[in-house]
Amino acid sequence: MNAETSDAPPTSLVDRTVVPGDTVLDLTAMANQTIKLGAGLRQDCDTISVMKAGKLRLSKPNKYWVESSHKRYAPCVEDTVLGIVVDCKPDNFLVDIKAPTLAFLPVLAFEGGTRRNIPKFEIGTLLYVRVVKANNSMNPELSCVDETGKASEFGQLKDGYMFETSTGLSRMLLSSPTCPVLEALGKTLSYEIAVGLNGRVWVNASSPSTVILVSNAIMNSESLSGVQQKIMVEKLMQRLQ
């Protein structure tokens, strides 16, 4: 959702807990720039208000959202998520994305997808996908291509280890410009990671010990500050040596 505004002045509520009904931005004091609204916010005339409890976050220069930690995921269009194939139909795959209902992934929603080259996924296959449709009256729809029709990073995630987290931790891992725990791990270790906004994380590396260390560091980081995350990683690295 977009609202035409100017340079969004820092609001005193950023990084603080907000509840439904709170007003976080007054658009009458701004002009001529687009403010991007993420999960948990809505525009009411000239104000931006809160729809769910959590912490107000700002990704500079102008994207605001409310970050909440939930086990159950509420699908939003353009979210990237990790899904598990639970059934295969002639026209689509049914995929568990931790939402209230199963999502469906059309068999043609792949780069160059045709009836002659339909992918074959076994039940239990882990996929990195994009949400393209989401509303309360129908099952979410997924895709394995980006907006240009390219596979990009989407598709099957092979090998590695997948674990579940809260949606708040997932958003922290994807925070811009860098997440402290991932930045600290990347200085010493080589690994692959895929983070879904639905509270699932996939990690792969050349050695099981690296996979375990990265996974443990991520799971231990949710309640820590950036500095504490880096200290925690240093201690884990010392045990690895």
Protein backbone atom coordinates (compact mmCIF):
# COMPACT_ATOMS: atom_id res chain seq x y z
CA MET A 1 0.00 0.00 0.00
CA ASN A 2 1.37 3.43 -0.89
CA ALA A 3 0.62 6.93 0.29
CA GLU A 4 1.96 10.01 -1.44
CA THR A 5 4.03 11.98 1.06
CA SER A 6 7.35 13.81 1.44
CA ASP A 7 10.46 12.84 3.34
CA ALA A 8 9.03 10.91 6.22
CA PRO A 9 10.30 12.49 9.42
CA PRO A 10 11.51 10.02 12.02
CA THR A 11 8.63 9.06 14.25
CA SER A 12 9.21 8.63 17.97
CA LEU A 13 7.37 5.31 17.80
CA VAL A 14 9.90 3.53 15.56
CA ASP A 15 11.30 0.45 17.35
CA ARG A 16 8.70 0.85 20.09
CA THR A 17 5.67 -1.29 20.86
CA VAL A 18 2.43 -0.14 19.23
CA VAL A 19 -1.13 -1.43 19.54
CA PRO A 20 -4.21 -1.34 17.28
CA GLY A 21 -5.59 2.18 16.96
CA ASP A 22 -2.28 3.98 17.49
CA THR A 23 -1.56 6.73 14.96
CA VAL A 24 2.06 6.51 13.81
CA LEU A 25 2.21 9.05 10.96
CA ASP A 26 0.32 12.22 10.07
CA LEU A 27 0.37 12.69 6.30
CA THR A 28 -0.81 16.30 6.45
CA ALA A 29 2.69 17.29 7.54
CA MET A 30 4.28 15.64 4.49
CA ALA A 31 4.12 15.97 0.72
CA ASN A 32 5.54 14.65 -2.53
CA GLN A 33 7.10 11.30 -1.66
CA THR A 34 5.79 7.77 -1.46
CA ILE A 35 5.64 6.10 1.94
CA LYS A 36 5.42 2.34 1.72
CA LEU A 37 3.24 0.54 4.23
CA GLY A 38 3.92 -3.05 5.22
CA ALA A 39 2.14 -5.52 7.46
CA GLY A 40 0.10 -4.21 10.37
CA LEU A 41 -0.51 -0.66 9.08
CA ARG A 42 -3.27 1.04 7.14
CA GLN A 43 -4.08 4.50 5.85
CA ASP A 44 -7.14 6.31 7.26
CA CYS A 45 -7.49 9.55 5.32
CA ASP A 46 -4.41 11.57 6.30
CA THR A 47 -3.11 9.28 9.02
CA ILE A 48 -1.35 5.94 9.21
CA SER A 49 -2.70 3.75 11.98
CA VAL A 50 -1.85 0.40 13.54
CA MET A 51 -3.92 -2.75 12.94
CA LYS A 52 -2.03 -5.24 15.11
CA ALA A 53 0.21 -5.16 18.15
CA GLY A 54 3.97 -5.34 17.73
CA LYS A 55 7.00 -3.11 17.18
CA LEU A 56 6.93 -0.36 14.58
CA ARG A 57 9.83 -0.78 12.17
CA LEU A 58 11.32 1.54 9.56
CA SER A 59 13.43 0.49 6.60
CA LYS A 60 14.99 3.71 5.35
CA PRO A 61 14.09 5.80 3.62
CA ASN A 62 10.36 5.23 3.74
CA LYS A 63 8.99 1.74 4.43
CA TYR A 64 7.09 1.21 7.68
CA TRP A 65 5.57 -1.96 9.10
CA VAL A 66 4.59 -3.56 12.40
CA GLU A 67 6.77 -6.50 13.36
CA SER A 68 5.04 -9.17 15.40
CA SER A 69 6.24 -12.58 16.48
CA HIS A 70 3.66 -15.22 15.63
CA LYS A 71 3.78 -18.92 14.97
CA ARG A 72 0.93 -18.70 12.45
CA TYR A 73 1.68 -16.80 9.26
CA ALA A 74 -0.73 -14.36 7.58
CA PRO A 75 0.07 -14.34 3.83
CA CYS A 76 0.77 -11.03 2.09
CA VAL A 77 1.32 -10.46 -1.62
CA GLU A 78 5.03 -10.37 -2.59
CA ASP A 79 6.13 -12.16 0.58
CA THR A 80 8.83 -14.76 0.01
CA VAL A 81 8.18 -17.94 1.98
CA LEU A 82 9.36 -21.51 2.46
CA GLY A 83 6.68 -24.03 1.65
CA ILE A 84 6.39 -27.79 1.97
CA VAL A 85 4.58 -29.76 -0.74
CA VAL A 86 1.76 -31.79 0.84
CA ASP A 87 -0.16 -32.93 -2.25
CA CYS A 88 0.15 -33.01 -6.04
CA LYS A 89 -2.84 -32.27 -8.30
CA PRO A 90 -3.05 -32.23 -12.12
CA ASP A 91 -3.03 -28.41 -12.20
CA ASN A 92 -1.22 -27.40 -9.03
CA PHE A 93 0.73 -28.42 -5.97
CA LEU A 94 -0.78 -27.91 -2.53
CA VAL A 95 1.78 -26.30 -0.26
CA ASP A 96 1.94 -25.77 3.51
CA ILE A 97 3.24 -22.25 4.24
CA LYS A 98 2.14 -22.13 7.93
CA ALA A 99 -0.96 -20.15 6.96
CA PRO A 100 -4.53 -20.91 8.11
CA THR A 101 -5.15 -22.67 4.77
CA LEU A 102 -2.96 -24.51 2.29
CA ALA A 103 -1.57 -22.49 -0.61
CA PHE A 104 -1.59 -23.66 -4.20
CA LEU A 105 1.29 -23.48 -6.66
CA PRO A 106 0.16 -23.79 -10.30
CA VAL A 107 2.20 -26.29 -12.32
CA LEU A 108 2.85 -23.53 -14.87
CA ALA A 109 4.15 -21.01 -12.30
CA PHE A 110 7.77 -21.80 -13.16
CA GLU A 111 10.21 -20.21 -15.59
CA GLY A 112 9.35 -21.52 -19.05
CA GLY A 113 6.57 -23.60 -17.55
CA THR A 114 4.51 -25.60 -20.06
CA ARG A 115 2.38 -28.72 -19.93
CA ARG A 116 5.31 -30.66 -21.38
CA ASN A 117 7.81 -29.82 -18.66
CA ILE A 118 5.77 -29.83 -15.47
CA PRO A 119 8.12 -30.19 -12.47
CA LYS A 120 7.81 -33.33 -10.41
CA PHE A 121 7.93 -32.78 -6.67
CA GLU A 122 7.50 -35.47 -4.07
CA ILE A 123 5.41 -34.85 -0.98
CA GLY A 124 7.70 -33.21 1.58
CA THR A 125 9.71 -31.23 -0.98
CA LEU A 126 10.86 -27.85 0.38
CA LEU A 127 10.33 -24.87 -1.93
CA TYR A 128 11.31 -21.21 -1.84
CA VAL A 129 8.34 -19.38 -3.37
CA ARG A 130 6.65 -16.00 -3.76
CA VAL A 131 3.09 -15.15 -2.69
CA VAL A 132 1.22 -13.67 -5.66
CA LYS A 133 -2.37 -13.71 -4.37
CA ALA A 134 -3.65 -13.51 -0.81
CA ASN A 135 -7.06 -12.66 0.62
CA ASN A 136 -9.44 -14.01 3.22
CA SER A 137 -11.84 -15.61 0.75
CA MET A 138 -9.47 -17.96 -1.06
CA ASN A 139 -6.34 -20.03 -0.65
CA PRO A 140 -3.07 -18.15 -1.20
CA GLU A 141 -1.47 -18.55 -4.62
CA LEU A 142 2.28 -19.03 -5.03
CA SER A 143 4.82 -18.71 -7.82
CA CYS A 144 8.37 -19.89 -8.45
CA VAL A 145 9.28 -16.89 -10.62
CA ASP A 146 9.87 -13.21 -9.95
CA GLU A 147 7.89 -10.35 -11.47
CA THR A 148 9.88 -10.63 -14.73
CA GLY A 149 9.09 -14.33 -15.11
CA LYS A 150 12.59 -15.48 -14.14
CA ALA A 151 13.25 -18.24 -11.66
CA SER A 152 15.75 -16.05 -9.82
CA GLU A 153 16.36 -17.69 -6.42
CA PHE A 154 13.00 -19.45 -6.31
CA GLY A 155 12.50 -23.19 -6.55
CA GLN A 156 13.39 -26.39 -4.72
CA LEU A 157 15.78 -26.25 -1.78
CA LYS A 158 17.83 -29.44 -1.76
CA ASP A 159 19.82 -30.91 1.11
CA GLY A 160 20.49 -28.59 4.04
CA TYR A 161 18.39 -28.21 7.18
CA MET A 162 15.08 -26.39 7.65
CA PHE A 163 13.85 -25.17 11.01
CA GLU A 164 10.93 -23.05 12.16
CA THR A 165 11.07 -19.70 13.97
CA SER A 166 8.67 -16.89 14.75
CA THR A 167 7.67 -14.52 11.97
CA GLY A 168 9.35 -11.71 13.92
CA LEU A 169 12.71 -13.46 13.82
CA SER A 170 12.33 -14.10 10.10
CA ARG A 171 11.78 -10.41 9.46
CA MET A 172 14.79 -9.54 11.60
CA LEU A 173 16.97 -11.88 9.53
CA LEU A 174 15.79 -10.11 6.37
CA SER A 175 16.25 -6.63 7.83
CA SER A 176 18.19 -4.02 5.89
CA PRO A 177 21.03 -3.36 5.43
CA THR A 178 22.39 -6.36 7.32
CA CYS A 179 21.31 -8.56 10.18
CA PRO A 180 23.96 -8.58 12.96
CA VAL A 181 23.91 -12.35 13.55
CA LEU A 182 24.18 -13.17 9.83
CA GLU A 183 26.86 -10.54 9.32
CA ALA A 184 28.93 -11.99 12.17
CA LEU A 185 28.53 -15.55 10.89
CA GLY A 186 29.45 -14.56 7.34
CA LYS A 187 32.81 -13.13 8.38
CA THR A 188 34.10 -16.61 9.21
CA LEU A 189 31.77 -19.24 7.76
CA SER A 190 30.64 -20.12 4.26
CA TYR A 191 27.00 -21.19 4.07
CA GLU A 192 23.75 -20.81 2.13
CA ILE A 193 20.56 -19.53 3.70
CA ALA A 194 16.97 -18.96 2.62
CA VAL A 195 14.62 -17.11 4.96
CA GLY A 196 10.85 -17.19 4.58
CA LEU A 197 8.67 -14.47 6.04
CA ASN A 198 6.44 -17.29 7.25
CA GLY A 199 8.90 -18.24 9.98
CA ARG A 200 10.95 -20.91 8.24
CA VAL A 201 14.70 -20.86 7.67
CA TRP A 202 16.83 -23.18 5.51
CA VAL A 203 20.59 -23.49 6.00
CA ASN A 204 23.09 -25.46 3.96
CA ALA A 205 26.88 -25.77 4.21
CA SER A 206 29.69 -28.14 3.32
CA SER A 207 29.89 -29.56 6.84
CA PRO A 208 27.16 -30.58 9.32
CA SER A 209 28.96 -28.72 12.13
CA THR A 210 28.61 -25.43 10.23
CA VAL A 211 24.91 -26.05 9.60
CA ILE A 212 24.37 -26.74 13.31
CA LEU A 213 26.34 -23.68 14.42
CA VAL A 214 24.52 -21.32 12.03
CA SER A 215 21.12 -22.76 12.96
CA ASN A 216 21.79 -22.48 16.70
CA ALA A 217 23.08 -18.92 16.36
CA ILE A 218 19.95 -17.86 14.49
CA MET A 219 17.57 -19.53 16.94
CA ASN A 220 19.40 -17.94 19.90
CA SER A 221 19.39 -14.43 18.42
CA GLU A 222 15.73 -13.42 18.63
CA SER A 223 15.82 -11.80 22.07
CA LEU A 224 19.34 -10.33 21.73
CA SER A 225 20.49 -6.87 20.68
CA GLY A 226 22.83 -6.47 17.72
CA VAL A 227 25.89 -6.30 19.96
CA GLN A 228 24.75 -9.33 21.96
CA GLN A 229 24.22 -11.29 18.74
CA LYS A 230 27.81 -10.67 17.66
CA ILE A 231 29.17 -11.67 21.08
CA MET A 232 27.08 -14.84 21.00
CA VAL A 233 28.47 -15.77 17.57
CA GLU A 234 32.05 -15.21 18.79
CA LYS A 235 31.45 -17.61 21.70
CA LEU A 236 29.97 -20.25 19.37
CA MET A 237 32.95 -19.91 17.05
CA GLN A 238 35.34 -20.49 19.95
CA ARG A 239 33.61 -23.79 20.72
CA LEU A 240 33.98 -24.81 17.09
CA GLN A 241 37.76 -24.35 17.13
